[in-house]
C-alpha cells in the first residue's frame, strides 16, 4: 500500500457511513479514502435482509465491485481512482481522489482497556497506525457513531461526522414558508402596483427590489391593523403576482367544521385547499394542528368537492418505546395502532358533523369508508391516481424513502407531508439530514408546492406549557 503524501487528506470510513449513504465514497472530491478490512467484514454480515440498511450495503458492494473489477494487486496497492462527477446538494463536484483497501496488517498499541477484537477498536487501531506510518498525511476518521468519535477524541485521533447528507448546516436556516413585510411596504411598492379580480380572488402585480427574494406560494403578511395576508403566485425577477389569502378564521368559512386559530393555520388551509398545489409540507411542534388541518382539508376536498377518490394515510413505524412485537390481522389492522393521531382527529371531526350520537356515528362510518391506512413497506412500485395522500411523522424518513413515496403520485394526486423535526426516532437521522428537511429545501422554488411552519400550539394550555417548559 503506497499512500501518496501529496494528498491533502486521507479519510478512513466507518461502516455506518457506507450503510447510511452508499455513494459516500464518491463524495470526498479530491481527497483519498481508506476502507479497513473489518469494515468489509461488517458490510458482509449486514448484506442480507429487506431493510434499507441491507439494500444500501448491497449497493456499496456493487460500487466497490465496479471499482475493483479488472484491477491487479499493484493497482490496488497504488489506490483505485475515483474519477466521477457527483451531483450533490452543493452542486456538481468532480471526485478525483483514490480509494485504498487494507492489504496488510496494521498494528498499533491501543490502551489496555481497549481490546482490538472489537470492530470499532480495530478501526481506531488502524487509524493510529496510518497516522504513525504517514506523518505527512492528515488522517481523519469519518463516522456517524457519536461514541466512536468520542473514543477517537480521547485517543487524539481526528474524527468527523459525515456531513454530506445534511441538507443545510443549521436547522434554523430552514425555509419557513412565510415572511413578514415591512410596515412601509406599500409606500415603496404601491406606486407601480396593478390589481384585479379573477375567479373570486384578488390579485396584485408588484414591482420592486425585494421581490427577487420571494419563493412561489410563499405567504406574506404585514403586522398592522390592515391584516394584509397574501401568497406569491408567481415571481420573475423583480416582478411578482400576489393573491390575497382567504380567511378561514371565520366560522362561515370553516373547513369541515374546523376554523383556523392563527395566521399559520390560515396559511396552511389556503395551501391545502388550493387545487394548483400538488405538494404541501407542514412542520410544527406537538399540538399545532398539523394532522387536524390536513384531515379536515382532505375530507372537504374528497367528500364535498369530489376532487379526490379517497384519503390515504401512512407513516414510518418507528416505536418510541419498547417494540410490542408482531401484530395480527390485515395491513390496515396492523397499521391501526400506529394511527392513533388519525383516529383521534377523525373522532373530533366526526363529532362536529351532527348533533345526535346517531348522526355522529353515521358520519364517522362514512369518513372511515373514504380514509385508507397503508404501510410504507408496500409502497414501492405503486401508483396513486386521484388520491389525497398524507404522510405522517415524515421527519423519520430518509431522503431516499421520501423520494420513493413522492414518486408514487399519479395524475390528480396531492401529497401532504407532516412532521416535527424535534421528534426524530430513526437512528443516525438528524434534523439537518431528515428527508422532511430535504424536501422542504428542494421544493421551495417549485410553483406547485407550498410549505408552512406552524408555530403556535392550539391543543390545550397544558400541552402548550409542557411543550415550552419540559
Protein backbone atom coordinates (compact mmCIF):
# COMPACT_ATOMS: atom_id res chain seq x y z
CA UNK A 1 0.00 0.00 0.00
CA UNK A 2 1.52 3.27 -1.14
CA UNK A 3 -0.42 6.32 0.01
CA UNK A 4 0.77 9.44 -1.77
CA UNK A 5 1.94 12.03 0.76
CA UNK A 6 0.94 14.80 -1.64
CA UNK A 7 -2.73 14.09 -0.91
CA UNK A 8 -4.39 16.69 1.26
CA UNK A 9 -6.34 14.30 3.49
CA UNK A 10 -6.92 10.59 4.00
CA UNK A 11 -10.41 9.75 5.25
CA UNK A 12 -10.92 6.39 6.97
CA UNK A 13 -14.58 5.40 6.58
CA UNK A 14 -16.52 3.71 9.36
CA UNK A 15 -19.08 1.05 8.43
CA UNK A 16 -22.09 3.17 9.38
CA UNK A 17 -21.14 5.85 6.84
CA UNK A 18 -21.33 3.36 3.97
CA UNK A 19 -24.56 1.91 5.38
CA UNK A 20 -26.07 5.37 5.60
CA UNK A 21 -25.03 6.61 2.14
CA UNK A 22 -23.85 4.01 -0.40
CA UNK A 23 -22.47 6.75 -2.66
CA UNK A 24 -20.38 8.27 0.13
CA UNK A 25 -17.16 7.00 -1.50
CA UNK A 26 -17.81 9.46 -4.35
CA UNK A 27 -18.47 12.48 -2.10
CA UNK A 28 -14.98 13.42 -0.89
CA UNK A 29 -13.83 15.33 -4.00
CA UNK A 30 -10.01 15.34 -4.35
CA UNK A 31 -9.28 13.57 -1.04
CA UNK A 32 -8.24 9.92 -0.64
CA UNK A 33 -10.27 7.24 1.15
CA UNK A 34 -9.26 4.18 3.15
CA UNK A 35 -11.53 1.21 3.94
CA UNK A 36 -10.27 -1.18 6.66
CA UNK A 37 -10.82 -4.92 6.24
CA UNK A 38 -13.02 -5.05 9.36
CA UNK A 39 -15.43 -2.63 7.64
CA UNK A 40 -15.74 -5.00 4.69
CA UNK A 41 -16.45 -7.82 7.15
CA UNK A 42 -19.22 -5.81 8.84
CA UNK A 43 -20.72 -4.96 5.45
CA UNK A 44 -20.73 -8.67 4.56
CA UNK A 45 -22.64 -9.53 7.76
CA UNK A 46 -25.27 -6.84 7.08
CA UNK A 47 -25.97 -7.55 3.39
CA UNK A 48 -28.87 -9.97 3.95
CA UNK A 49 -32.36 -8.66 4.57
CA UNK A 50 -35.03 -6.36 3.14
CA UNK A 51 -34.32 -3.27 5.23
CA UNK A 52 -32.98 -0.03 3.77
CA UNK A 53 -29.64 -0.66 5.52
CA UNK A 54 -29.29 -4.05 3.79
CA UNK A 55 -30.15 -2.51 0.42
CA UNK A 56 -27.56 0.22 1.00
CA UNK A 57 -24.91 -2.39 1.88
CA UNK A 58 -25.61 -4.33 -1.31
CA UNK A 59 -25.31 -1.09 -3.31
CA UNK A 60 -21.96 -0.33 -1.66
CA UNK A 61 -20.76 -3.82 -2.61
CA UNK A 62 -21.78 -3.19 -6.24
CA UNK A 63 -19.91 0.14 -6.29
CA UNK A 64 -16.77 -1.46 -4.86
CA UNK A 65 -17.05 -4.36 -7.31
CA UNK A 66 -17.18 -1.92 -10.25
CA UNK A 67 -14.09 -0.10 -8.97
CA UNK A 68 -12.02 -3.18 -8.30
CA UNK A 69 -13.02 -5.13 -11.43
CA UNK A 70 -10.01 -5.74 -13.65
CA UNK A 71 -7.55 -4.21 -11.18
CA UNK A 72 -4.35 -6.12 -10.32
CA UNK A 73 -2.56 -6.17 -6.97
CA UNK A 74 -0.25 -3.31 -7.95
CA UNK A 75 -3.23 -1.08 -8.88
CA UNK A 76 -4.98 -1.89 -5.61
CA UNK A 77 -1.83 -1.01 -3.63
CA UNK A 78 -1.48 2.27 -5.52
CA UNK A 79 -5.13 3.14 -4.90
CA UNK A 80 -8.16 2.82 -7.17
CA UNK A 81 -9.07 6.07 -8.99
CA UNK A 82 -12.46 7.54 -8.05
CA UNK A 83 -12.96 9.74 -11.13
CA UNK A 84 -16.64 10.57 -11.26
CA UNK A 85 -18.90 13.63 -11.46
CA UNK A 86 -21.07 13.61 -8.36
CA UNK A 87 -24.31 15.61 -8.29
CA UNK A 88 -24.67 16.73 -4.70
CA UNK A 89 -26.69 19.33 -2.76
CA UNK A 90 -23.89 21.87 -3.14
CA UNK A 91 -23.70 21.41 -6.89
CA UNK A 92 -21.67 19.23 -9.25
CA UNK A 93 -18.26 18.23 -7.93
CA UNK A 94 -15.58 16.08 -9.55
CA UNK A 95 -14.30 13.22 -7.42
CA UNK A 96 -10.59 12.83 -8.20
CA UNK A 97 -9.23 11.06 -5.12
CA UNK A 98 -8.16 7.45 -4.73
CA UNK A 99 -9.60 4.55 -2.76
CA UNK A 100 -7.29 2.34 -0.68
CA UNK A 101 -8.12 -1.01 0.86
CA UNK A 102 -6.29 -2.51 3.81
CA UNK A 103 -3.98 -5.06 2.17
CA UNK A 104 -1.71 -5.87 5.13
CA UNK A 105 -1.73 -5.99 8.89
CA UNK A 106 -1.60 -2.56 10.53
CA UNK A 107 -0.91 -2.74 14.23
CA UNK A 108 -0.67 -0.03 16.81
CA UNK A 109 -0.82 -0.49 20.55
CA UNK A 110 -4.15 0.63 22.00
CA UNK A 111 -4.66 1.32 25.71
CA UNK A 112 -5.03 -1.88 27.73
CA UNK A 113 -8.75 -1.29 28.32
CA UNK A 114 -9.46 -1.12 24.57
CA UNK A 115 -9.17 -4.68 23.18
CA UNK A 116 -8.52 -4.81 19.44
CA UNK A 117 -11.01 -7.60 18.75
CA UNK A 118 -13.97 -5.21 18.87
CA UNK A 119 -14.69 -3.79 15.40
CA UNK A 120 -14.70 -0.12 16.49
CA UNK A 121 -11.44 -0.50 18.38
CA UNK A 122 -9.83 -2.29 15.42
CA UNK A 123 -10.71 0.71 13.22
CA UNK A 124 -9.24 3.09 15.81
CA UNK A 125 -6.06 0.99 15.90
CA UNK A 126 -5.78 1.18 12.10
CA UNK A 127 -6.21 4.98 12.15
CA UNK A 128 -3.45 5.27 14.75
CA UNK A 129 -1.18 3.02 12.65
CA UNK A 130 -1.82 5.07 9.49
CA UNK A 131 -1.11 8.32 11.35
CA UNK A 132 2.20 6.92 12.59
CA UNK A 133 3.20 5.43 9.22
CA UNK A 134 2.29 8.54 7.19
CA UNK A 135 3.05 11.54 9.43
CA UNK A 136 2.77 13.98 6.49
CA UNK A 137 -0.84 12.93 5.72
CA UNK A 138 -3.80 14.26 7.67
CA UNK A 139 -5.63 11.02 8.61
CA UNK A 140 -9.26 11.59 9.62
CA UNK A 141 -11.82 9.06 10.82
CA UNK A 142 -15.35 9.60 9.45
CA UNK A 143 -18.15 8.03 11.50
CA UNK A 144 -21.85 8.56 12.19
CA UNK A 145 -21.38 6.97 15.62
CA UNK A 146 -21.05 9.63 18.33
CA UNK A 147 -19.40 7.24 20.82
CA UNK A 148 -16.86 6.24 18.18
CA UNK A 149 -15.94 9.89 17.69
CA UNK A 150 -15.68 10.40 21.46
CA UNK A 151 -13.27 7.46 21.79
CA UNK A 152 -11.29 8.81 18.85
CA UNK A 153 -11.02 12.20 20.53
CA UNK A 154 -9.81 10.54 23.73
CA UNK A 155 -7.04 8.85 21.69
CA UNK A 156 -6.17 12.17 19.99
CA UNK A 157 -7.46 10.95 16.63
CA UNK A 158 -9.04 13.39 14.21
CA UNK A 159 -12.68 12.33 13.80
CA UNK A 160 -15.59 13.93 11.95
CA UNK A 161 -19.26 13.27 11.34
CA UNK A 162 -20.41 12.58 7.77
CA UNK A 163 -21.85 15.93 6.70
CA UNK A 164 -22.61 15.37 3.02
CA UNK A 165 -26.09 14.02 3.83
CA UNK A 166 -27.06 17.25 5.56
CA UNK A 167 -29.36 19.48 3.53
CA UNK A 168 -28.46 22.61 5.49
CA UNK A 169 -25.84 23.37 8.12
CA UNK A 170 -28.23 24.89 10.68
CA UNK A 171 -31.88 23.89 11.03
CA UNK A 172 -32.73 27.48 11.96
CA UNK A 173 -31.92 28.40 8.34
CA UNK A 174 -34.67 26.11 7.00
CA UNK A 175 -37.24 27.81 4.78
CA UNK A 176 -40.31 28.68 6.90
CA UNK A 177 -42.73 29.35 4.04
CA UNK A 178 -43.71 32.81 5.28
CA UNK A 179 -42.28 36.30 5.52
CA UNK A 180 -43.29 39.45 7.36
CA UNK A 181 -43.27 42.54 5.17
CA UNK A 182 -42.12 45.94 6.41
CA UNK A 183 -44.87 48.33 7.55
CA UNK A 184 -43.88 50.77 4.79
CA UNK A 185 -44.08 48.07 2.10
CA UNK A 186 -46.92 49.75 0.18
CA UNK A 187 -45.17 53.12 0.25
CA UNK A 188 -42.20 51.58 -1.60
CA UNK A 189 -44.08 49.18 -3.87
CA UNK A 190 -47.56 50.68 -4.22
CA UNK A 191 -46.68 53.20 -6.94
CA UNK A 192 -46.48 50.71 -9.83
CA UNK A 193 -48.91 48.19 -8.37
CA UNK A 194 -51.65 46.64 -10.53
CA UNK A 195 -54.70 44.89 -9.03
CA UNK A 196 -57.56 42.84 -10.50
CA UNK A 197 -60.11 40.19 -9.57
CA UNK A 198 -60.39 36.76 -11.15
CA UNK A 199 -62.47 33.72 -10.04
CA UNK A 200 -63.44 35.47 -6.78
CA UNK A 201 -59.77 36.09 -5.92
CA UNK A 202 -57.94 39.42 -5.71
CA UNK A 203 -54.53 39.65 -7.37
CA UNK A 204 -51.73 42.24 -7.20
CA UNK A 205 -48.77 42.66 -9.53
CA UNK A 206 -45.84 44.07 -7.54
CA UNK A 207 -42.55 45.54 -8.82
CA UNK A 208 -39.58 46.14 -6.56
CA UNK A 209 -36.15 45.01 -5.36
CA UNK A 210 -37.42 42.75 -2.53
CA UNK A 211 -39.40 40.58 -4.94
CA UNK A 212 -36.28 38.66 -6.00
CA UNK A 213 -36.07 37.09 -2.50
CA UNK A 214 -39.57 35.57 -2.65
CA UNK A 215 -40.49 31.98 -3.50
CA UNK A 216 -43.63 30.63 -5.24
CA UNK A 217 -46.53 30.07 -2.81
CA UNK A 218 -44.68 31.84 0.00
CA UNK A 219 -47.01 33.57 2.41
CA UNK A 220 -46.55 37.29 3.04
CA UNK A 221 -48.17 39.37 5.75
CA UNK A 222 -47.96 42.80 7.37
CA UNK A 223 -48.31 43.03 11.14
CA UNK A 224 -50.57 46.07 11.42
CA UNK A 225 -54.26 46.87 11.59
CA UNK A 226 -54.68 46.21 7.86
CA UNK A 227 -54.27 42.45 8.38
CA UNK A 228 -52.79 42.03 4.88
CA UNK A 229 -52.10 38.37 4.06
CA UNK A 230 -51.23 37.11 0.58
CA UNK A 231 -49.40 34.33 -1.19
CA UNK A 232 -46.92 34.62 -4.04
CA UNK A 233 -48.47 33.03 -7.14
CA UNK A 234 -45.52 33.73 -9.43
CA UNK A 235 -42.29 35.69 -9.38
CA UNK A 236 -40.00 36.66 -12.24
CA UNK A 237 -37.01 38.84 -11.45
CA UNK A 238 -38.32 41.98 -9.74
CA UNK A 239 -41.97 41.34 -10.66
CA UNK A 240 -44.35 39.14 -8.69
CA UNK A 241 -48.07 38.34 -8.68
CA UNK A 242 -49.69 38.10 -5.24
CA UNK A 243 -53.04 36.52 -4.43
CA UNK A 244 -54.97 37.75 -1.40
CA UNK A 245 -55.29 34.87 1.07
CA UNK A 246 -58.70 33.57 2.08
CA UNK A 247 -59.65 33.98 5.75
CA UNK A 248 -60.63 30.65 7.32
CA UNK A 249 -60.78 32.06 10.86
CA UNK A 250 -64.45 32.91 10.33
CA UNK A 251 -66.98 30.19 11.18
CA UNK A 252 -68.79 30.89 7.92
CA UNK A 253 -65.63 29.78 6.06
CA UNK A 254 -64.81 26.74 8.20
CA UNK A 255 -63.33 23.62 6.61
CA UNK A 256 -65.26 20.50 7.71
CA UNK A 257 -66.12 22.35 10.90
CA UNK A 258 -62.54 23.47 11.55
CA UNK A 259 -61.57 27.15 11.72
CA UNK A 260 -58.01 28.48 11.64
CA UNK A 261 -56.92 29.73 15.07
CA UNK A 262 -53.86 31.67 13.96
CA UNK A 263 -52.11 33.08 10.89
CA UNK A 264 -50.03 29.98 10.17
CA UNK A 265 -53.07 27.69 10.31
CA UNK A 266 -54.90 30.01 7.94
CA UNK A 267 -51.98 29.86 5.52
CA UNK A 268 -51.91 26.06 5.84
CA UNK A 269 -55.60 25.77 4.90
CA UNK A 270 -55.03 28.07 1.91
CA UNK A 271 -52.31 25.72 0.67
CA UNK A 272 -54.20 22.50 1.43
CA UNK A 273 -57.32 23.66 -0.43
CA UNK A 274 -55.53 25.16 -3.43
CA UNK A 275 -56.11 22.87 -6.46
CA UNK A 276 -52.94 24.18 -8.13
CA UNK A 277 -50.70 22.99 -5.28
CA UNK A 278 -49.79 19.30 -5.52
CA UNK A 279 -47.33 19.03 -2.64
CA UNK A 280 -47.67 20.56 0.85
CA UNK A 281 -45.28 20.23 3.80
CA UNK A 282 -46.41 21.15 7.32
CA UNK A 283 -43.81 21.49 10.08
CA UNK A 284 -44.61 22.22 13.69
CA UNK A 285 -44.27 21.13 17.29
CA UNK A 286 -46.84 18.99 19.10
CA UNK A 287 -50.32 20.48 19.21
CA UNK A 288 -50.01 22.96 16.34
CA UNK A 289 -52.82 21.25 14.41
CA UNK A 290 -50.90 19.67 11.52
CA UNK A 291 -52.85 16.41 11.30
CA UNK A 292 -56.23 18.01 12.05
CA UNK A 293 -55.84 20.63 9.31
CA UNK A 294 -54.62 18.07 6.75
CA UNK A 295 -57.51 15.71 7.51
CA UNK A 296 -60.16 18.44 7.55
CA UNK A 297 -59.00 19.74 4.17
CA UNK A 298 -58.80 16.19 2.81
CA UNK A 299 -62.36 15.35 3.91
CA UNK A 300 -63.66 18.59 2.44
CA UNK A 301 -61.93 18.01 -0.91
CA UNK A 302 -62.82 14.31 -1.04
CA UNK A 303 -66.41 14.25 0.24
CA UNK A 304 -67.74 17.72 -0.54
CA UNK A 305 -65.88 18.81 -3.67
CA UNK A 306 -65.24 15.27 -5.06
CA UNK A 307 -61.71 16.34 -6.07
CA UNK A 308 -60.20 13.03 -4.86
CA UNK A 309 -61.42 9.44 -4.66
CA UNK A 310 -60.15 8.75 -1.15
CA UNK A 311 -57.69 9.76 1.55
CA UNK A 312 -54.64 7.55 2.11
CA UNK A 313 -52.65 7.94 5.31
CA UNK A 314 -49.30 6.33 6.06
CA UNK A 315 -46.33 6.79 8.37
CA UNK A 316 -43.00 5.28 9.31
CA UNK A 317 -43.48 2.66 12.05
CA UNK A 318 -40.66 3.65 14.40
CA UNK A 319 -41.58 2.88 18.05
CA UNK A 320 -40.94 5.49 20.74
CA UNK A 321 -40.52 2.86 23.47
CA UNK A 322 -40.07 -0.93 23.50
CA UNK A 323 -41.41 -2.63 20.38
CA UNK A 324 -44.68 -4.51 21.03
CA UNK A 325 -43.79 -7.22 18.51
CA UNK A 326 -45.77 -8.64 15.60
CA UNK A 327 -49.38 -7.52 15.15
CA UNK A 328 -52.18 -9.77 13.85
CA UNK A 329 -54.60 -9.03 11.03
CA UNK A 330 -54.55 -7.37 7.64
CA UNK A 331 -52.33 -4.50 6.52
CA UNK A 332 -54.87 -1.94 7.75
CA UNK A 333 -55.34 -3.72 11.09
CA UNK A 334 -51.57 -3.92 11.63
CA UNK A 335 -51.24 -0.19 10.95
CA UNK A 336 -54.18 0.81 13.18
CA UNK A 337 -52.13 1.02 16.45
CA UNK A 338 -49.71 3.41 14.70
CA UNK A 339 -52.54 5.64 13.55
CA UNK A 340 -53.77 6.91 16.91
CA UNK A 341 -53.40 10.51 15.72
CA UNK A 342 -55.63 9.76 12.74
CA UNK A 343 -58.33 8.15 14.89
CA UNK A 344 -58.25 10.98 17.44
CA UNK A 345 -58.69 13.62 14.77
CA UNK A 346 -61.36 11.67 12.88
CA UNK A 347 -63.28 11.34 16.13
CA UNK A 348 -63.06 15.11 16.65
CA UNK A 349 -64.09 15.87 13.06
CA UNK A 350 -66.95 13.37 13.24
CA UNK A 351 -68.26 14.94 16.43
CA UNK A 352 -68.73 18.22 14.54
CA UNK A 353 -70.82 16.59 11.80
CA UNK A 354 -74.02 16.13 13.79
CA UNK A 355 -75.85 16.86 16.99
CA UNK A 356 -77.02 13.37 17.99
CA UNK A 357 -74.99 10.23 18.67
CA UNK A 358 -76.59 8.53 15.67
CA UNK A 359 -75.57 11.37 13.31
CA UNK A 360 -72.05 11.44 14.67
CA UNK A 361 -71.73 7.64 14.37
CA UNK A 362 -73.02 7.70 10.80
CA UNK A 363 -70.60 10.49 9.90
CA UNK A 364 -67.69 8.59 11.44
CA UNK A 365 -68.52 5.41 9.48
CA UNK A 366 -68.87 7.42 6.28
CA UNK A 367 -65.49 9.09 6.82
CA UNK A 368 -63.76 5.80 7.63
CA UNK A 369 -65.01 4.38 4.31
CA UNK A 370 -63.11 7.13 2.48
CA UNK A 371 -59.94 7.02 4.62
CA UNK A 372 -57.46 4.17 4.00
CA UNK A 373 -54.44 3.30 6.12
CA UNK A 374 -51.43 1.91 4.26
CA UNK A 375 -47.98 0.69 5.27
CA UNK A 376 -44.79 2.23 3.87
CA UNK A 377 -43.37 -1.26 3.36
CA UNK A 378 -45.69 -1.90 0.39
CA UNK A 379 -45.39 1.46 -1.38
CA UNK A 380 -42.63 0.60 -3.84
CA UNK A 381 -43.98 0.17 -7.37
CA UNK A 382 -47.44 1.55 -6.63
CA UNK A 383 -49.11 4.48 -8.40
CA UNK A 384 -51.83 6.54 -6.71
CA UNK A 385 -54.39 8.17 -9.01
CA UNK A 386 -56.65 10.99 -7.75
CA UNK A 387 -55.73 10.32 -4.14
CA UNK A 388 -55.15 12.65 -1.19
CA UNK A 389 -52.02 11.14 0.43
CA UNK A 390 -51.00 12.14 3.97
CA UNK A 391 -47.51 11.10 5.14
CA UNK A 392 -47.49 11.44 8.93
CA UNK A 393 -44.32 11.57 11.07
CA UNK A 394 -42.34 12.33 7.92
CA UNK A 395 -39.35 13.52 9.96
CA UNK A 396 -38.40 9.84 10.47
CA UNK A 397 -37.95 9.24 6.74
CA UNK A 398 -34.64 9.41 4.91
CA UNK A 399 -34.32 11.45 1.68
CA UNK A 400 -34.31 8.20 -0.31
CA UNK A 401 -37.53 6.99 1.34
CA UNK A 402 -39.14 10.37 0.76
CA UNK A 403 -38.26 10.21 -2.92
CA UNK A 404 -39.76 6.72 -3.15
CA UNK A 405 -43.05 7.94 -1.65
CA UNK A 406 -43.41 11.18 -3.59
CA UNK A 407 -42.74 9.46 -6.91
CA UNK A 408 -45.80 7.24 -6.25
CA UNK A 409 -48.03 10.19 -7.15
CA UNK A 410 -50.02 9.79 -10.34
CA UNK A 411 -52.29 12.31 -12.11
CA UNK A 412 -54.64 14.16 -9.78
CA UNK A 413 -52.87 13.13 -6.55
CA UNK A 414 -51.97 15.56 -3.78
CA UNK A 415 -49.33 14.72 -1.16
CA UNK A 416 -49.14 16.28 2.31
CA UNK A 417 -46.05 15.66 4.48
CA UNK A 418 -46.46 16.28 8.21
CA UNK A 419 -43.71 16.22 10.80
CA UNK A 420 -41.92 17.62 13.81
CA UNK A 421 -38.14 17.82 13.42
CA UNK A 422 -37.73 17.84 17.21
CA UNK A 423 -39.09 14.27 17.44
CA UNK A 424 -36.83 12.12 15.24
CA UNK A 425 -36.68 8.45 16.29
CA UNK A 426 -34.70 6.97 13.36
CA UNK A 427 -31.04 6.14 14.21
CA UNK A 428 -28.36 8.30 12.51
CA UNK A 429 -31.02 10.74 11.28
CA UNK A 430 -30.91 14.36 12.47
CA UNK A 431 -32.97 17.48 11.79
CA UNK A 432 -30.49 18.62 9.14
CA UNK A 433 -30.37 15.24 7.35
CA UNK A 434 -34.05 14.23 7.63
CA UNK A 435 -35.97 13.53 4.44
CA UNK A 436 -38.56 16.11 5.52
CA UNK A 437 -35.89 18.83 5.68
CA UNK A 438 -34.61 17.62 2.31
CA UNK A 439 -37.97 18.00 0.52
CA UNK A 440 -38.77 21.36 2.16
CA UNK A 441 -35.48 22.76 0.85
CA UNK A 442 -35.71 21.15 -2.61
CA UNK A 443 -39.37 22.04 -3.30
CA UNK A 444 -39.32 25.67 -2.10
CA UNK A 445 -38.78 27.01 -5.62
CA UNK A 446 -41.48 24.91 -7.34
CA UNK A 447 -44.69 26.74 -8.24
CA UNK A 448 -46.92 23.72 -7.42
CA UNK A 449 -45.69 23.18 -3.87
CA UNK A 450 -46.15 25.04 -0.59
CA UNK A 451 -44.64 24.88 2.88
CA UNK A 452 -45.61 26.41 6.18
CA UNK A 453 -44.09 26.10 9.65
CA UNK A 454 -46.78 26.13 12.34
CA UNK A 455 -45.50 27.84 15.48
CA UNK A 456 -48.35 28.27 17.96
CA UNK A 457 -49.71 25.25 19.81
CA UNK A 458 -53.50 25.13 19.95
CA UNK A 459 -54.05 21.77 21.67
CA UNK A 460 -54.52 22.95 25.25
CA UNK A 461 -52.89 25.23 27.80
CA UNK A 462 -51.42 22.14 29.49
CA UNK A 463 -49.84 20.89 26.22
CA UNK A 464 -48.53 24.37 25.40
CA UNK A 465 -46.90 24.74 28.80
CA UNK A 466 -45.37 21.25 28.60
CA UNK A 467 -44.01 21.91 25.10
CA UNK A 468 -42.31 25.11 26.24
CA UNK A 469 -41.01 24.07 29.65
CA UNK A 470 -40.26 20.33 29.59
